[in-house]
C-alpha atoms as a PDB file:
ATOM      1  CA  MET A   1      16.396 -12.670 -15.585  1.00  0.00           C
ATOM      2  CA  VAL A   2      15.903 -13.943 -12.050  1.00  0.00           C
ATOM      3  CA  TYR A   3      19.105 -12.226 -10.922  1.00  0.00           C
ATOM      4  CA  LEU A   4      17.779  -8.866 -12.098  1.00  0.00           C
ATOM      5  CA  GLU A   5      14.934  -9.157  -9.576  1.00  0.00           C
ATOM      6  CA  LEU A   6      17.500  -9.026  -6.752  1.00  0.00           C
ATOM      7  CA  ILE A   7      18.582  -5.459  -7.563  1.00  0.00           C
ATOM      8  CA  PRO A   8      15.159  -3.801  -7.245  1.00  0.00           C
ATOM      9  CA  GLY A   9      14.333  -6.181  -4.402  1.00  0.00           C
ATOM     10  CA  PHE A  10      17.334  -5.071  -2.349  1.00  0.00           C
ATOM     11  CA  ALA A  11      16.828  -1.422  -3.307  1.00  0.00           C
ATOM     12  CA  LEU A  12      13.141  -1.420  -2.341  1.00  0.00           C
ATOM     13  CA  LEU A  13      13.884  -3.153   0.958  1.00  0.00           C
ATOM     14  CA  ALA A  14      16.587  -0.658   1.907  1.00  0.00           C
ATOM     15  CA  ALA A  15      14.710   2.458   0.781  1.00  0.00           C
ATOM     16  CA  GLY A  16      11.353   1.217   2.034  1.00  0.00           C
ATOM     17  CA  GLY A  17      12.754   0.393   5.468  1.00  0.00           C
ATOM     18  CA  ASP A  18      14.289   3.862   5.738  1.00  0.00           C
ATOM     19  CA  PHE A  19      11.089   5.617   4.645  1.00  0.00           C
ATOM     20  CA  LEU A  20       8.995   3.474   6.976  1.00  0.00           C
ATOM     21  CA  VAL A  21      11.086   4.292  10.047  1.00  0.00           C
ATOM     22  CA  ARG A  22      11.331   8.010   9.238  1.00  0.00           C
ATOM     23  CA  GLY A  23       7.630   8.284   8.517  1.00  0.00           C
ATOM     24  CA  ALA A  24       6.628   6.353  11.626  1.00  0.00           C
ATOM     25  CA  VAL A  25       8.899   8.487  13.811  1.00  0.00           C
ATOM     26  CA  ALA A  26       7.467  11.682  12.304  1.00  0.00           C
ATOM     27  CA  VAL A  27       3.896  10.507  12.924  1.00  0.00           C
ATOM     28  CA  ALA A  28       4.716   9.381  16.468  1.00  0.00           C
ATOM     29  CA  ARG A  29       6.250  12.750  17.325  1.00  0.00           C
ATOM     30  CA  ARG A  30       3.304  14.645  15.862  1.00  0.00           C
ATOM     31  CA  ILE A  31       0.752  12.699  17.903  1.00  0.00           C
ATOM     32  CA  GLY A  32       2.751  13.011  21.110  1.00  0.00           C
ATOM     33  CA  VAL A  33       4.437   9.609  21.502  1.00  0.00           C
ATOM     34  CA  SER A  34       7.475   9.948  23.773  1.00  0.00           C
ATOM     35  CA  GLU A  35      10.985   9.982  22.342  1.00  0.00           C
ATOM     36  CA  LEU A  36      11.775   7.096  24.681  1.00  0.00           C
ATOM     37  CA  MET A  37       9.140   4.841  23.165  1.00  0.00           C
ATOM     38  CA  ILE A  38      10.156   5.895  19.658  1.00  0.00           C
ATOM     39  CA  GLY A  39      13.727   4.812  20.262  1.00  0.00           C
ATOM     40  CA  LEU A  40      12.779   1.546  21.912  1.00  0.00           C
ATOM     41  CA  THR A  41      10.259   0.418  19.317  1.00  0.00           C
ATOM     42  CA  LEU A  42       9.994   2.346  16.050  1.00  0.00           C
ATOM     43  CA  VAL A  43      13.737   2.780  15.477  1.00  0.00           C
ATOM     44  CA  GLY A  44      15.134  -0.189  17.362  1.00  0.00           C
ATOM     45  CA  PHE A  45      12.732  -2.682  15.800  1.00  0.00           C
ATOM     46  CA  GLY A  46      11.942  -0.709  12.662  1.00  0.00           C
ATOM     47  CA  THR A  47      15.209  -1.594  10.928  1.00  0.00           C
ATOM     48  CA  SER A  48      14.130  -5.252  11.139  1.00  0.00           C
ATOM     49  CA  THR A  49      11.014  -4.622   9.036  1.00  0.00           C
ATOM     50  CA  PRO A  50      12.608  -6.083   5.848  1.00  0.00           C
ATOM     51  CA  GLU A  51      13.450  -9.310   7.709  1.00  0.00           C
ATOM     52  CA  LEU A  52       9.913  -9.449   9.089  1.00  0.00           C
ATOM     53  CA  VAL A  53       8.178  -8.964   5.758  1.00  0.00           C
ATOM     54  CA  ALA A  54      10.537 -11.325   3.902  1.00  0.00           C
ATOM     55  CA  SER A  55      10.057 -14.126   6.451  1.00  0.00           C
ATOM     56  CA  VAL A  56       6.269 -13.685   6.554  1.00  0.00           C
ATOM     57  CA  GLU A  57       6.161 -13.670   2.751  1.00  0.00           C
ATOM     58  CA  ALA A  58       8.251 -16.866   2.697  1.00  0.00           C
ATOM     59  CA  ALA A  59       5.950 -18.503   5.250  1.00  0.00           C
ATOM     60  CA  LEU A  60       2.887 -17.562   3.196  1.00  0.00           C
ATOM     61  CA  VAL A  61       4.273 -19.157   0.027  1.00  0.00           C
ATOM     62  CA  GLY A  62       5.289 -22.302   1.907  1.00  0.00           C
ATOM     63  CA  SER A  63       9.058 -21.778   2.113  1.00  0.00           C
ATOM     64  CA  PRO A  64       9.919 -22.261   5.817  1.00  0.00           C
ATOM     65  CA  GLY A  65      13.586 -22.730   4.932  1.00  0.00           C
ATOM     66  CA  ILE A  66      13.793 -19.145   3.697  1.00  0.00           C
ATOM     67  CA  ALA A  67      11.675 -17.851   6.582  1.00  0.00           C
ATOM     68  CA  LEU A  68      13.800 -19.459   9.316  1.00  0.00           C
ATOM     69  CA  GLY A  69      17.039 -19.146   7.363  1.00  0.00           C
ATOM     70  CA  ASN A  70      16.462 -15.408   7.086  1.00  0.00           C
ATOM     71  CA  VAL A  71      15.969 -15.068  10.858  1.00  0.00           C
ATOM     72  CA  VAL A  72      19.030 -17.131  11.731  1.00  0.00           C
ATOM     73  CA  GLY A  73      21.212 -15.715   8.958  1.00  0.00           C
ATOM     74  CA  SER A  74      20.298 -12.098   9.698  1.00  0.00           C
ATOM     75  CA  THR A  75      21.129 -12.585  13.365  1.00  0.00           C
ATOM     76  CA  VAL A  76      24.545 -13.982  12.455  1.00  0.00           C
ATOM     77  CA  ALA A  77      25.082 -11.166   9.943  1.00  0.00           C
ATOM     78  CA  ASN A  78      24.233  -8.558  12.581  1.00  0.00           C
ATOM     79  CA  SER A  79      26.478 -10.134  15.218  1.00  0.00           C
ATOM     80  CA  TRP A  80      29.490 -10.674  13.001  1.00  0.00           C
ATOM     81  CA  LEU A  81      29.352  -8.686   9.757  1.00  0.00           C
ATOM     82  CA  ILE A  82      27.531  -5.516  10.869  1.00  0.00           C
ATOM     83  CA  LEU A  83      29.303  -5.185  14.221  1.00  0.00           C
ATOM     84  CA  GLY A  84      32.611  -6.138  12.640  1.00  0.00           C
ATOM     85  CA  VAL A  85      32.333  -3.413   9.995  1.00  0.00           C
ATOM     86  CA  GLY A  86      31.353  -0.879  12.647  1.00  0.00           C
ATOM     87  CA  ALA A  87      34.299  -1.789  14.879  1.00  0.00           C
ATOM     88  CA  LEU A  88      36.691  -1.520  11.935  1.00  0.00           C
ATOM     89  CA  ILE A  89      35.532   2.060  11.386  1.00  0.00           C
ATOM     90  CA  ALA A  90      35.612   2.995  15.080  1.00  0.00           C
ATOM     91  CA  PRO A  91      35.976   0.881  18.243  1.00  0.00           C
ATOM     92  CA  ILE A  92      32.568   0.264  19.804  1.00  0.00           C
ATOM     93  CA  ARG A  93      31.954   0.949  23.473  1.00  0.00           C
ATOM     94  CA  THR A  94      29.196  -0.908  25.288  1.00  0.00           C
ATOM     95  CA  GLY A  95      27.299   0.393  28.302  1.00  0.00           C
ATOM     96  CA  ARG A  96      27.684  -1.859  31.342  1.00  0.00           C
ATOM     97  CA  ALA A  97      24.184  -1.481  32.782  1.00  0.00           C
ATOM     98  CA  ALA A  98      22.271  -1.634  29.520  1.00  0.00           C
ATOM     99  CA  PHE A  99      24.303  -4.534  28.153  1.00  0.00           C
ATOM    100  CA  ALA A 100      24.040  -6.515  31.376  1.00  0.00           C
ATOM    101  CA  ARG A 101      20.280  -6.271  30.932  1.00  0.00           C
ATOM    102  CA  ASP A 102      19.891  -6.537  27.161  1.00  0.00           C
ATOM    103  CA  GLY A 103      22.775  -8.929  26.549  1.00  0.00           C
ATOM    104  CA  SER A 104      21.401 -11.483  28.974  1.00  0.00           C
ATOM    105  CA  VAL A 105      17.943 -11.279  27.361  1.00  0.00           C
ATOM    106  CA  LEU A 106      19.477 -11.727  23.903  1.00  0.00           C
ATOM    107  CA  LEU A 107      21.412 -14.779  25.056  1.00  0.00           C
ATOM    108  CA  ALA A 108      18.249 -16.265  26.581  1.00  0.00           C
ATOM    109  CA  ALA A 109      16.339 -15.609  23.341  1.00  0.00           C
ATOM    110  CA  ALA A 110      19.073 -17.318  21.303  1.00  0.00           C
ATOM    111  CA  LEU A 111      18.884 -20.356  23.595  1.00  0.00           C
ATOM    112  CA  LEU A 112      15.091 -20.484  23.190  1.00  0.00           C
ATOM    113  CA  MET A 113      15.413 -20.266  19.405  1.00  0.00           C
ATOM    114  CA  THR A 114      17.999 -23.069  19.390  1.00  0.00           C
ATOM    115  CA  ALA A 115      15.709 -25.273  21.467  1.00  0.00           C
ATOM    116  CA  ALA A 116      12.685 -24.483  19.269  1.00  0.00           C
ATOM    117  CA  CYS A 117      14.602 -25.440  16.134  1.00  0.00           C
ATOM    118  CA  GLN A 118      15.250 -28.914  17.540  1.00  0.00           C
ATOM    119  CA  LEU A 119      11.525 -29.590  17.119  1.00  0.00           C
ATOM    120  CA  ALA A 120      10.119 -30.812  13.829  1.00  0.00           C
ATOM    121  CA  GLU A 121       7.958 -27.709  13.606  1.00  0.00           C
ATOM    122  CA  ILE A 122       7.685 -24.292  15.213  1.00  0.00           C
ATOM    123  CA  GLY A 123       3.950 -24.016  15.666  1.00  0.00           C
ATOM    124  CA  ARG A 124       1.572 -21.206  16.463  1.00  0.00           C
ATOM    125  CA  GLY A 125       1.825 -21.816  20.214  1.00  0.00           C
ATOM    126  CA  ILE A 126       5.581 -21.229  20.190  1.00  0.00           C
ATOM    127  CA  GLY A 127       5.106 -18.250  17.885  1.00  0.00           C
ATOM    128  CA  ALA A 128       2.606 -16.661  20.253  1.00  0.00           C
ATOM    129  CA  SER A 129       4.926 -17.304  23.207  1.00  0.00           C
ATOM    130  CA  PHE A 130       7.805 -15.596  21.416  1.00  0.00           C
ATOM    131  CA  LEU A 131       5.663 -12.534  20.684  1.00  0.00           C
ATOM    132  CA  LEU A 132       4.466 -12.328  24.303  1.00  0.00           C
ATOM    133  CA  LEU A 133       8.069 -12.493  25.497  1.00  0.00           C
ATOM    134  CA  LEU A 134       9.006  -9.660  23.139  1.00  0.00           C
ATOM    135  CA  LEU A 135       6.086  -7.574  24.387  1.00  0.00           C
ATOM    136  CA  ALA A 136       7.040  -8.212  28.017  1.00  0.00           C
ATOM    137  CA  TYR A 137      10.670  -7.251  27.280  1.00  0.00           C
ATOM    138  CA  THR A 138       9.616  -4.011  25.566  1.00  0.00           C
ATOM    139  CA  ILE A 139       7.364  -3.032  28.477  1.00  0.00           C
ATOM    140  CA  TRP A 140      10.127  -3.875  30.961  1.00  0.00           C
ATOM    141  CA  ILE A 141      12.701  -1.772  29.114  1.00  0.00           C
ATOM    142  CA  TYR A 142      10.305   1.144  28.829  1.00  0.00           C
ATOM    143  CA  ARG A 143       9.520   1.112  32.542  1.00  0.00           C
ATOM    144  CA  THR A 144      13.182   0.677  33.465  1.00  0.00           C
ATOM    145  CA  GLU A 145      14.220   3.687  31.386  1.00  0.00           C
ATOM    146  CA  GLN A 146      11.339   5.822  32.624  1.00  0.00           C
ATOM    147  CA  GLN A 147      12.263   5.121  36.233  1.00  0.00           C
ATOM    148  CA  ALA A 148      15.846   6.259  35.661  1.00  0.00           C
ATOM    149  CA  ARG A 149      16.673   9.613  37.235  1.00  0.00           C
ATOM    150  CA  ASP A 150      17.522  11.176  33.887  1.00  0.00           C
ATOM    151  CA  ALA A 151      15.660   9.001  31.412  1.00  0.00           C
ATOM    152  CA  PRO A 152      17.865   9.694  28.362  1.00  0.00           C
ATOM    153  CA  LEU A 153      16.699  10.111  24.813  1.00  0.00           C
ATOM    154  CA  PRO A 154      17.431   6.787  23.125  1.00  0.00           C
ATOM    155  CA  ALA A 155      20.533   7.210  21.025  1.00  0.00           C
ATOM    156  CA  GLU A 156      18.915   5.556  18.009  1.00  0.00           C
ATOM    157  CA  ALA A 157      16.433   8.397  17.709  1.00  0.00           C
ATOM    158  CA  GLY A 158      19.277  10.837  17.119  1.00  0.00           C
ATOM    159  CA  LEU A 159      20.080   9.190  13.812  1.00  0.00           C
ATOM    160  CA  ILE A 160      16.654   9.873  12.379  1.00  0.00           C
ATOM    161  CA  GLY A 161      16.769  13.641  12.550  1.00  0.00           C
ATOM    162  CA  PRO A 162      13.929  16.043  13.239  1.00  0.00           C
ATOM    163  CA  ALA A 163      10.460  15.348  11.925  1.00  0.00           C
ATOM    164  CA  GLU A 164       9.997  17.727   9.017  1.00  0.00           C
ATOM    165  CA  GLY A 165       6.597  18.624   7.633  1.00  0.00           C
ATOM    166  CA  GLY A 166       3.211  17.838   9.065  1.00  0.00           C
ATOM    167  CA  LEU A 167       1.343  14.720  10.003  1.00  0.00           C
ATOM    168  CA  GLY A 168       0.278  14.130   6.414  1.00  0.00           C
ATOM    169  CA  LYS A 169       3.851  13.966   5.195  1.00  0.00           C
ATOM    170  CA  GLY A 170       4.728  11.471   7.923  1.00  0.00           C
ATOM    171  CA  VAL A 171       1.785   9.264   6.936  1.00  0.00           C
ATOM    172  CA  LEU A 172       2.813   9.407   3.273  1.00  0.00           C
ATOM    173  CA  PHE A 173       6.393   8.412   4.165  1.00  0.00           C
ATOM    174  CA  THR A 174       5.090   5.539   6.256  1.00  0.00           C
ATOM    175  CA  LEU A 175       2.795   4.247   3.522  1.00  0.00           C
ATOM    176  CA  ALA A 176       5.475   4.634   0.855  1.00  0.00           C
ATOM    177  CA  GLY A 177       7.932   2.758   3.049  1.00  0.00           C
ATOM    178  CA  LEU A 178       5.454  -0.024   3.691  1.00  0.00           C
ATOM    179  CA  VAL A 179       4.712  -0.433  -0.011  1.00  0.00           C
ATOM    180  CA  GLY A 180       8.449  -0.462  -0.783  1.00  0.00           C
ATOM    181  CA  VAL A 181       9.233  -3.090   1.833  1.00  0.00           C
ATOM    182  CA  LEU A 182       6.351  -5.317   0.730  1.00  0.00           C
ATOM    183  CA  ALA A 183       7.296  -5.062  -2.945  1.00  0.00           C
ATOM    184  CA  GLY A 184      10.987  -5.573  -2.227  1.00  0.00           C
ATOM    185  CA  ALA A 185      10.339  -8.600  -0.019  1.00  0.00           C
ATOM    186  CA  THR A 186       8.127 -10.202  -2.667  1.00  0.00           C
ATOM    187  CA  LEU A 187      10.774  -9.740  -5.358  1.00  0.00           C
ATOM    188  CA  LEU A 188      13.557 -10.970  -3.083  1.00  0.00           C
ATOM    189  CA  VAL A 189      11.741 -14.096  -1.886  1.00  0.00           C
ATOM    190  CA  ASP A 190      10.593 -15.031  -5.405  1.00  0.00           C
ATOM    191  CA  ALA A 191      14.117 -14.559  -6.744  1.00  0.00           C
ATOM    192  CA  ALA A 192      15.630 -16.498  -3.822  1.00  0.00           C
ATOM    193  CA  ILE A 193      13.370 -19.495  -4.461  1.00  0.00           C
ATOM    194  CA  ALA A 194      14.249 -19.458  -8.162  1.00  0.00           C
ATOM    195  CA  ILE A 195      17.996 -19.131  -7.458  1.00  0.00           C
ATOM    196  CA  ALA A 196      17.872 -21.999  -4.978  1.00  0.00           C
ATOM    197  CA  GLN A 197      16.342 -24.215  -7.647  1.00  0.00           C
ATOM    198  CA  LEU A 198      18.757 -22.951 -10.305  1.00  0.00           C
ATOM    199  CA  TRP A 199      21.883 -23.513  -8.197  1.00  0.00           C
ATOM    200  CA  GLY A 200      20.678 -26.759  -6.664  1.00  0.00           C
ATOM    201  CA  LEU A 201      20.866 -25.292  -3.148  1.00  0.00           C
ATOM    202  CA  SER A 202      18.322 -25.672  -0.383  1.00  0.00           C
ATOM    203  CA  GLU A 203      16.023 -22.774   0.439  1.00  0.00           C
ATOM    204  CA  ALA A 204      17.507 -22.690   3.955  1.00  0.00           C
ATOM    205  CA  VAL A 205      21.002 -22.036   2.566  1.00  0.00           C
ATOM    206  CA  ILE A 206      19.696 -19.236   0.334  1.00  0.00           C
ATOM    207  CA  GLY A 207      17.828 -17.869   3.360  1.00  0.00           C
ATOM    208  CA  VAL A 208      20.877 -17.699   5.646  1.00  0.00           C
ATOM    209  CA  THR A 209      23.067 -16.148   2.935  1.00  0.00           C
ATOM    210  CA  LEU A 210      21.458 -14.171   0.120  1.00  0.00           C
ATOM    211  CA  VAL A 211      18.161 -13.228   1.776  1.00  0.00           C
ATOM    212  CA  ALA A 212      19.756 -12.575   5.177  1.00  0.00           C
ATOM    213  CA  ILE A 213      22.381 -10.232   3.748  1.00  0.00           C
ATOM    214  CA  GLY A 214      19.779  -8.360   1.718  1.00  0.00           C
ATOM    215  CA  THR A 215      17.403  -7.833   4.617  1.00  0.00           C
ATOM    216  CA  ALA A 216      20.267  -6.769   6.919  1.00  0.00           C
ATOM    217  CA  LEU A 217      20.965  -3.678   4.790  1.00  0.00           C
ATOM    218  CA  PRO A 218      19.078  -1.288   7.138  1.00  0.00           C
ATOM    219  CA  GLU A 219      21.194  -2.431  10.095  1.00  0.00           C
ATOM    220  CA  LEU A 220      24.341  -1.902   8.025  1.00  0.00           C
ATOM    221  CA  ALA A 221      23.168   1.586   7.070  1.00  0.00           C
ATOM    222  CA  THR A 222      22.476   2.399  10.723  1.00  0.00           C
ATOM    223  CA  MET A 223      25.904   1.129  11.758  1.00  0.00           C
ATOM    224  CA  LEU A 224      27.678   3.151   9.055  1.00  0.00           C
ATOM    225  CA  ALA A 225      25.699   6.277   9.967  1.00  0.00           C
ATOM    226  CA  SER A 226      26.422   5.900  13.678  1.00  0.00           C
ATOM    227  CA  ALA A 227      30.106   5.208  13.083  1.00  0.00           C
ATOM    228  CA  GLY A 228      30.276   8.252  10.820  1.00  0.00           C
ATOM    229  CA  HIS A 229      28.863  10.339  13.683  1.00  0.00           C
ATOM    230  CA  ARG A 230      31.378   8.790  16.113  1.00  0.00           C
ATOM    231  CA  ARG A 231      28.466   7.054  17.822  1.00  0.00           C
ATOM    232  CA  ALA A 232      29.209   3.421  17.078  1.00  0.00           C
ATOM    233  CA  ASP A 233      27.545   2.548  20.392  1.00  0.00           C
ATOM    234  CA  VAL A 234      24.252   3.509  18.749  1.00  0.00           C
ATOM    235  CA  GLY A 235      24.816   0.909  16.051  1.00  0.00           C
ATOM    236  CA  PHE A 236      25.651  -1.626  18.752  1.00  0.00           C
ATOM    237  CA  GLY A 237      22.348  -0.973  20.504  1.00  0.00           C
ATOM    238  CA  ASN A 238      20.521  -1.286  17.202  1.00  0.00           C
ATOM    239  CA  VAL A 239      22.140  -4.684  16.571  1.00  0.00           C
ATOM    240  CA  ILE A 240      21.058  -5.962  19.994  1.00  0.00           C
ATOM    241  CA  GLY A 241      17.490  -4.744  19.450  1.00  0.00           C
ATOM    242  CA  SER A 242      17.382  -6.073  15.906  1.00  0.00           C
ATOM    243  CA  ASN A 243      18.620  -9.518  16.944  1.00  0.00           C
ATOM    244  CA  LEU A 244      16.002  -9.723  19.679  1.00  0.00           C
ATOM    245  CA  PHE A 245      13.290  -8.719  17.232  1.00  0.00           C
ATOM    246  CA  ASN A 246      14.586 -11.211  14.654  1.00  0.00           C
ATOM    247  CA  ILE A 247      14.451 -14.131  17.062  1.00  0.00           C
ATOM    248  CA  LEU A 248      11.284 -13.360  19.010  1.00  0.00           C
ATOM    249  CA  GLY A 249       9.279 -11.032  16.775  1.00  0.00           C
ATOM    250  CA  ILE A 250       9.925 -12.386  13.289  1.00  0.00           C
ATOM    251  CA  THR A 251       9.939 -16.072  14.203  1.00  0.00           C
ATOM    252  CA  GLY A 252       6.822 -15.529  16.309  1.00  0.00           C
ATOM    253  CA  THR A 253       4.937 -13.655  13.585  1.00  0.00           C
ATOM    254  CA  ALA A 254       5.905 -16.059  10.797  1.00  0.00           C
ATOM    255  CA  ALA A 255       4.919 -19.074  12.913  1.00  0.00           C
ATOM    256  CA  LEU A 256       1.553 -17.497  13.699  1.00  0.00           C
ATOM    257  CA  VAL A 257       0.928 -16.917  10.000  1.00  0.00           C
ATOM    258  CA  ARG A 258       1.862 -20.510   9.165  1.00  0.00           C
ATOM    259  CA  PRO A 259       3.590 -23.174  11.303  1.00  0.00           C
ATOM    260  CA  LEU A 260       7.215 -23.506  10.199  1.00  0.00           C
ATOM    261  CA  ALA A 261       8.705 -26.906   9.449  1.00  0.00           C
ATOM    262  CA  VAL A 262      12.339 -26.763  10.595  1.00  0.00           C
ATOM    263  CA  PRO A 263      14.810 -27.790   7.855  1.00  0.00           C
ATOM    264  CA  ALA A 264      17.472 -30.270   8.985  1.00  0.00           C
ATOM    265  CA  GLU A 265      20.372 -27.973   8.080  1.00  0.00           C
ATOM    266  CA  VAL A 266      18.929 -25.179  10.211  1.00  0.00           C
ATOM    267  CA  ALA A 267      18.449 -27.473  13.216  1.00  0.00           C
ATOM    268  CA  GLN A 268      21.811 -29.209  12.888  1.00  0.00           C
ATOM    269  CA  LEU A 269      24.099 -26.353  11.822  1.00  0.00           C
ATOM    270  CA  HIS A 270      22.841 -22.818  11.290  1.00  0.00           C
ATOM    271  CA  VAL A 271      20.936 -22.246  14.524  1.00  0.00           C
ATOM    272  CA  TRP A 272      23.984 -23.469  16.480  1.00  0.00           C
ATOM    273  CA  ILE A 273      26.194 -21.000  14.611  1.00  0.00           C
ATOM    274  CA  MET A 274      23.637 -18.309  15.476  1.00  0.00           C
ATOM    275  CA  LEU A 275      23.898 -19.280  19.142  1.00  0.00           C
ATOM    276  CA  GLY A 276      27.696 -19.267  18.883  1.00  0.00           C
ATOM    277  CA  SER A 277      27.686 -15.829  17.249  1.00  0.00           C
ATOM    278  CA  THR A 278      25.565 -14.514  20.121  1.00  0.00           C
ATOM    279  CA  VAL A 279      27.875 -16.015  22.745  1.00  0.00           C
ATOM    280  CA  LEU A 280      30.897 -14.524  20.954  1.00  0.00           C
ATOM    281  CA  LEU A 281      29.186 -11.142  20.744  1.00  0.00           C
ATOM    282  CA  VAL A 282      28.478 -11.178  24.470  1.00  0.00           C
ATOM    283  CA  SER A 283      32.027 -12.328  25.259  1.00  0.00           C
ATOM    284  CA  LEU A 284      33.667  -9.611  23.164  1.00  0.00           C
ATOM    285  CA  ALA A 285      31.420  -6.921  24.640  1.00  0.00           C
ATOM    286  CA  LEU A 286      32.488  -7.936  28.133  1.00  0.00           C
ATOM    287  CA  THR A 287      36.219  -7.664  27.378  1.00  0.00           C
ATOM    288  CA  GLY A 288      36.911  -4.134  28.538  1.00  0.00           C
ATOM    289  CA  TRP A 289      33.358  -3.138  27.581  1.00  0.00           C
ATOM    290  CA  ARG A 290      34.428  -2.386  24.026  1.00  0.00           C
ATOM    291  CA  ILE A 291      34.882  -4.085  20.666  1.00  0.00           C
ATOM    292  CA  SER A 292      38.253  -3.144  19.173  1.00  0.00           C
ATOM    293  CA  ARG A 293      39.238  -2.910  15.528  1.00  0.00           C
ATOM    294  CA  ARG A 294      41.166  -6.167  15.826  1.00  0.00           C
ATOM    295  CA  GLU A 295      38.094  -7.879  17.206  1.00  0.00           C
ATOM    296  CA  GLY A 296      36.024  -6.281  14.444  1.00  0.00           C
ATOM    297  CA  ALA A 297      38.321  -7.770  11.816  1.00  0.00           C
ATOM    298  CA  ALA A 298      37.968 -11.175  13.483  1.00  0.00           C
ATOM    299  CA  LEU A 299      34.174 -10.863  13.349  1.00  0.00           C
ATOM    300  CA  VAL A 300      34.190 -10.029   9.631  1.00  0.00           C
ATOM    301  CA  LEU A 301      36.503 -12.983   8.921  1.00  0.00           C
ATOM    302  CA  ALA A 302      34.245 -15.248  10.982  1.00  0.00           C
ATOM    303  CA  TYR A 303      31.274 -14.184   8.877  1.00  0.00           C
ATOM    304  CA  ALA A 304      33.171 -14.781   5.637  1.00  0.00           C
ATOM    305  CA  ALA A 305      34.037 -18.278   6.853  1.00  0.00           C
ATOM    306  CA  TYR A 306      30.381 -18.865   7.726  1.00  0.00           C
ATOM    307  CA  ILE A 307      29.265 -17.949   4.206  1.00  0.00           C
ATOM    308  CA  VAL A 308      31.874 -20.278   2.689  1.00  0.00           C
ATOM    309  CA  VAL A 309      30.780 -23.154   4.937  1.00  0.00           C
ATOM    310  CA  SER A 310      27.106 -22.484   4.174  1.00  0.00           C
ATOM    311  CA  LEU A 311      27.634 -22.568   0.402  1.00  0.00           C
ATOM    312  CA  ALA A 312      30.053 -25.518   0.413  1.00  0.00           C
END
């Protein structure tokens, strides 16, 4: 019976995340929020809403292993599985200027997360610091893009499509998406805890595998959509933004809700693999400023190996 909860949980997370982003974008456009800010925040961070809600839900019910495992596992899934699938469909080009800026910030965030996980607990002070860093980064990016001569429309916004209907419809989409994400996260976390007990696995292992893959579905959908439109670079930008939000935003929010005791397996293994996946991502992006199909296949194989090691 517990396995049946996964199906509606995953479905509600995926559909709810999509509705939430589309509704929020429609509302933002109707009330005059700039396309630039929409792309940087609502779309870039919006696909991480399932991870956010799942980790906060796990923190609330006293399962820090799932909360932190979800953050770490989703970041690895984005860096290896999602990018790998995208590169297999179409080689991914990376912008030099944007990646030099965003890639360095992502690497710094991964280092901070690795250091924080070496502590016995990630408390509210660290959580607040992470959120302030994310806010400062968002403001910096916004000002940087606005100061550009031809401040371009963020590519992510192009995947959402025009806002149809009025403000009321946008609000309804947003509320429906929020309800879907909350319900899906509750089902997924409850099922994950039960499966961990049933299989004799730690909550951290379930967090970095089952929960992480489930909550990464919006990023996968974005990557597939962008690759289908021959805009795999859009999916790449979404992965960078999502990983930053995972590390700083989700960890920060969950720690503010309830201090997170760091499981030994996260501190000793999984967070180091997350750091390694980030370093590999940066390294591949710098090789000719593109990720080839061969490199994409290597990323997918690396993720498969990670899952095997995690479940061993």
